[in-house]
Protein backbone atom coordinates (compact mmCIF):
# COMPACT_ATOMS: atom_id res chain seq x y z
CA MET A 1 0.00 0.00 0.00
CA GLN A 2 1.20 3.50 -0.82
CA LEU A 3 0.34 6.95 0.52
CA LYS A 4 -1.17 8.78 -2.44
CA ALA A 5 -2.59 12.01 -1.03
CA LEU A 6 -2.43 14.44 1.88
CA VAL A 7 -5.65 16.17 2.89
CA TRP A 8 -5.18 19.41 4.80
CA GLY A 9 -8.17 19.71 7.09
CA GLY A 10 -8.79 23.43 7.19
CA LEU A 11 -6.83 26.64 6.76
CA GLY A 12 -5.58 26.26 10.33
CA SER A 13 -3.64 23.15 9.36
CA LEU A 14 -1.62 25.33 6.98
CA ALA A 15 -1.36 28.66 8.80
CA ASP A 16 -2.19 30.14 12.19
CA CYS A 17 -5.14 32.26 11.13
CA ALA A 18 -7.59 31.94 14.05
CA ASP A 19 -6.78 35.42 15.38
CA LEU A 20 -7.45 36.90 11.94
CA ASP A 21 -10.72 35.00 11.70
CA LEU A 22 -11.84 36.27 15.11
CA ALA A 23 -10.97 39.86 14.18
CA ALA A 24 -12.94 39.46 10.95
CA TRP A 25 -16.01 38.28 12.84
CA ASN A 26 -15.89 41.26 15.18
CA GLY A 27 -15.39 43.56 12.21
CA ALA A 28 -18.48 42.09 10.57
CA PHE A 29 -20.51 42.69 13.71
CA ARG A 30 -19.48 46.34 13.77
CA ALA A 31 -20.31 46.70 10.09
CA GLN A 32 -23.82 45.43 10.83
CA GLY A 33 -24.26 47.74 13.82
CA LEU A 34 -24.30 44.90 16.35
CA ASP A 35 -22.97 45.32 19.87
CA TRP A 36 -21.46 41.84 19.78
CA SER A 37 -17.76 41.45 20.53
CA TRP A 38 -16.39 37.95 20.78
CA ASN A 39 -13.35 37.36 22.94
CA TRP A 40 -11.08 34.40 22.34
CA ASP A 41 -12.93 32.08 24.72
CA THR A 42 -16.31 32.77 23.10
CA TYR A 43 -14.90 32.26 19.62
CA ALA A 44 -13.14 29.02 20.59
CA GLU A 45 -16.28 27.67 22.22
CA LEU A 46 -18.37 28.43 19.13
CA MET A 47 -15.81 26.77 16.88
CA ARG A 48 -15.36 23.67 19.01
CA PRO A 49 -18.44 21.59 18.10
CA GLY A 50 -18.26 22.26 14.37
CA GLY A 51 -21.11 20.83 12.33
CA ASP A 52 -22.98 23.87 11.11
CA ARG A 53 -21.98 26.50 8.58
CA GLN A 54 -23.21 29.54 10.46
CA LEU A 55 -21.60 30.67 13.72
CA ALA A 56 -23.45 34.00 13.75
CA ALA A 57 -26.83 32.30 13.48
CA ARG A 58 -25.98 29.95 16.33
CA PHE A 59 -24.79 32.81 18.53
CA ALA A 60 -27.93 34.84 17.74
CA ALA A 61 -30.15 31.89 18.64
CA PHE A 62 -28.31 31.53 21.94
CA ARG A 63 -28.97 35.21 22.70
CA GLY A 64 -32.55 35.07 21.49
CA GLU A 65 -31.90 37.68 18.80
CA VAL A 66 -32.82 37.89 15.14
CA VAL A 67 -30.02 39.05 12.84
CA GLN A 68 -29.10 38.93 9.16
CA ALA A 69 -26.79 35.98 9.67
CA GLU A 70 -26.06 35.37 6.00
CA GLU A 71 -25.09 39.01 5.46
CA ILE A 72 -22.87 38.94 8.56
CA ASP A 73 -21.18 35.85 7.21
CA LYS A 74 -20.56 37.40 3.79
CA ILE A 75 -18.93 40.44 5.39
CA HIS A 76 -16.88 38.19 7.67
CA GLN A 77 -15.59 36.17 4.72
CA LYS A 78 -14.52 39.35 2.89
CA LEU A 79 -12.79 40.79 5.95
CA PHE A 80 -11.09 37.47 6.67
CA ALA A 81 -9.81 37.29 3.09
CA ALA A 82 -8.50 40.86 3.30
CA ARG A 83 -6.59 40.10 6.49
CA LEU A 84 -5.11 36.94 5.00
CA SER A 85 -4.07 38.86 1.89
CA ALA A 86 -2.04 41.24 4.03
CA GLY A 87 0.35 38.37 4.74
CA ILE A 88 0.55 35.16 6.74
CA HIS A 89 3.19 32.49 7.32
CA LEU A 90 2.81 28.76 6.90
CA ARG A 91 3.07 26.74 10.10
CA PRO A 92 6.31 24.93 11.03
CA GLY A 93 7.09 22.08 8.68
CA VAL A 94 4.22 22.73 6.27
CA ILE A 95 6.34 23.89 3.35
CA GLU A 96 8.76 20.98 3.75
CA LEU A 97 5.88 18.49 3.64
CA LEU A 98 4.35 20.25 0.63
CA LYS A 99 7.66 20.07 -1.23
CA TRP A 100 8.09 16.41 -0.37
CA SER A 101 4.58 15.70 -1.65
CA ALA A 102 5.31 17.47 -4.93
CA ARG A 103 8.57 15.55 -5.40
CA SER A 104 6.98 12.22 -4.50
CA GLY A 105 3.85 12.53 -6.62
CA VAL A 106 1.60 12.61 -3.56
CA LYS A 107 -1.55 14.58 -4.33
CA LEU A 108 -2.58 17.54 -2.21
CA ALA A 109 -6.14 18.32 -1.16
CA MET A 110 -7.77 20.89 1.08
CA VAL A 111 -11.01 20.62 3.04
CA SER A 112 -12.07 23.93 4.59
CA ARG A 113 -15.07 25.50 6.30
CA SER A 114 -14.14 28.76 4.55
CA GLU A 115 -15.54 30.01 1.26
CA THR A 116 -13.46 30.46 -1.88
CA GLU A 117 -12.37 34.05 -1.18
CA PRO A 118 -10.40 33.42 2.05
CA VAL A 119 -8.88 30.24 0.61
CA ARG A 120 -7.65 32.10 -2.45
CA ALA A 121 -6.31 34.87 -0.23
CA LEU A 122 -4.29 32.44 1.88
CA LEU A 123 -2.93 30.65 -1.18
CA SER A 124 -1.98 33.98 -2.75
CA ALA A 125 -0.27 35.17 0.44
CA THR A 126 1.78 31.96 0.67
CA ALA A 127 2.42 31.46 -3.05
CA ARG A 128 6.10 32.40 -2.89
CA ALA A 129 6.76 30.15 0.11
CA ARG A 130 5.02 27.25 -1.66
CA GLU A 131 7.16 27.77 -4.77
CA GLY A 132 4.28 27.16 -7.13
CA ILE A 133 3.01 24.01 -5.44
CA THR A 134 -0.76 23.82 -5.89
CA PHE A 135 -3.63 21.73 -4.55
CA ASP A 136 -5.22 19.08 -6.72
CA VAL A 137 -8.59 19.12 -4.94
CA ALA A 138 -10.44 21.59 -2.73
CA VAL A 139 -13.74 20.97 -0.93
CA LEU A 140 -14.98 24.19 0.62
CA ARG A 141 -17.96 25.25 2.66
CA GLY A 142 -20.14 25.96 -0.33
CA ASP A 143 -19.73 22.35 -1.50
CA VAL A 144 -21.44 20.78 1.52
CA THR A 145 -24.41 21.30 3.81
CA ARG A 146 -22.79 19.99 6.99
CA MET A 147 -19.27 20.61 8.22
CA ALA A 148 -17.01 18.37 10.32
CA PRO A 149 -17.47 16.31 12.42
CA ASP A 150 -19.87 15.26 9.68
CA PRO A 151 -17.82 13.24 7.14
CA ASP A 152 -19.50 14.78 4.06
CA ALA A 153 -16.60 17.05 3.09
CA MET A 154 -13.96 14.38 3.61
CA GLY A 155 -16.04 11.87 1.66
CA ARG A 156 -16.40 14.30 -1.24
CA CYS A 157 -12.68 14.91 -1.14
CA LEU A 158 -12.01 11.17 -1.47
CA ASP A 159 -14.41 10.99 -4.41
CA GLN A 160 -12.64 13.83 -6.20
CA LEU A 161 -9.23 12.31 -5.52
CA ASN A 162 -10.59 8.93 -6.69
CA LEU A 163 -8.75 7.26 -3.84
CA GLN A 164 -9.56 4.87 -1.01
CA PRO A 165 -9.42 6.20 2.59
CA SER A 166 -6.41 4.00 3.34
CA GLU A 167 -4.43 5.75 0.59
CA VAL A 168 -4.81 9.15 2.22
CA LEU A 169 -3.60 10.96 5.33
CA ALA A 170 -5.57 13.87 6.79
CA ILE A 171 -3.61 16.56 8.64
CA VAL A 172 -6.05 18.14 11.09
CA ASP A 173 -5.83 20.96 13.62
CA THR A 174 -9.16 20.54 15.45
CA PRO A 175 -10.95 17.56 17.02
CA ALA A 176 -14.07 18.15 14.88
CA THR A 177 -12.00 17.85 11.70
CA ALA A 178 -10.33 14.74 13.06
CA GLN A 179 -13.71 13.17 13.79
CA GLY A 180 -14.92 14.00 10.28
CA ALA A 181 -11.86 12.37 8.75
CA GLN A 182 -12.14 9.31 10.97
CA ALA A 183 -15.84 8.95 10.11
CA ALA A 184 -14.81 8.88 6.44
CA GLY A 185 -12.24 6.19 7.27
CA ILE A 186 -9.21 8.42 6.65
CA PRO A 187 -6.06 8.05 8.81
CA CYS A 188 -5.19 11.26 10.69
CA LEU A 189 -2.27 13.22 12.05
CA ALA A 190 -3.22 15.84 14.65
CA PHE A 191 -1.32 19.08 14.03
CA THR A 192 -2.77 20.90 17.00
CA GLY A 193 -3.64 24.56 16.51
CA ARG A 194 -4.69 27.31 18.92
CA LEU A 195 -8.31 26.16 18.93
CA ALA A 196 -7.50 22.82 20.55
CA SER A 197 -5.13 20.99 22.83
CA SER A 198 -3.73 17.53 22.26
CA GLU A 199 -6.03 16.16 24.97
CA ASP A 200 -9.11 17.20 22.98
CA PHE A 201 -8.38 14.80 20.12
CA PRO A 202 -9.41 11.14 19.95
CA SER A 203 -6.78 9.17 21.84
CA ASP A 204 -5.88 6.94 18.88
CA ILE A 205 -4.68 9.83 16.67
CA PRO A 206 -0.91 10.54 16.51
CA HIS A 207 0.26 14.10 17.16
CA ALA A 208 2.92 16.39 15.73
CA ASN A 209 3.95 19.84 16.99
CA VAL A 210 6.11 20.34 13.88
CA LEU A 211 5.30 18.59 10.64
CA THR A 212 7.91 16.29 9.16
CA VAL A 213 7.79 13.66 6.46
CA ALA A 214 8.68 11.04 9.07
CA ALA A 215 5.80 12.10 11.34
CA ALA A 216 3.33 12.03 8.46
CA MET A 217 4.43 8.60 7.25
CA GLU A 218 4.46 7.16 10.76
CA ALA A 219 0.94 8.48 11.44
CA TRP A 220 -0.36 7.10 8.16
CA GLN A 221 1.20 3.68 8.70
CA GLN A 222 0.06 3.51 12.33
CA THR A 223 -3.56 4.49 11.76
CA SER A 224 -3.84 2.48 8.55
CA SER A 225 -2.66 -0.59 10.44
CA GLN A 226 -5.18 0.06 13.23
CA ALA A 227 -8.01 0.35 10.72
CA ALA A 228 -7.01 -2.94 9.10
CA GLU A 229 -7.08 -4.84 12.38
């Protein structure tokens, strides 16, 4: 068996962009004249369960308020893209793993809860660092009705790659993304971001603080073997 693709489970698996995302949400609230102001703890708590596409709608329901959630989200996506365009660095080890994938013929895919605009902004901001390396497949929020931990996005990604789950490794930065990948049968490597700690992830998922080829291969071999047992 051979590893044939890496699936990056969200923008956070590539770059530390949670602070920019939070700032974009608060900017969208101001633009809509709302007195909402999320701090880090509120934002992290809203992000933790995953599942739905609309954080603003969920927060409004919690507060018993009626807001233009779709409009808030559109503004948020634009502001998030603008902040990403201003510049962002790839996380430790990401570029090395991308280069190895390109040299080895391992396909690259991205599954993200973001829309096209922020994804393009991040890819544009990191284009020089990636040295022209591109992604073969992208499954974004507009492609699905339910986000991780629902496996829909990961399943669609497998279909587009035309690969079996055992031929793929998902690199994930949140427990919800890990659960979505596992539900689709895909081996995982937890690359923990700011929105989670290593203890939050399923106990059978290997972890890496810095990505390396060795860590990726070991995680794929370990979790593929567990799935086969």
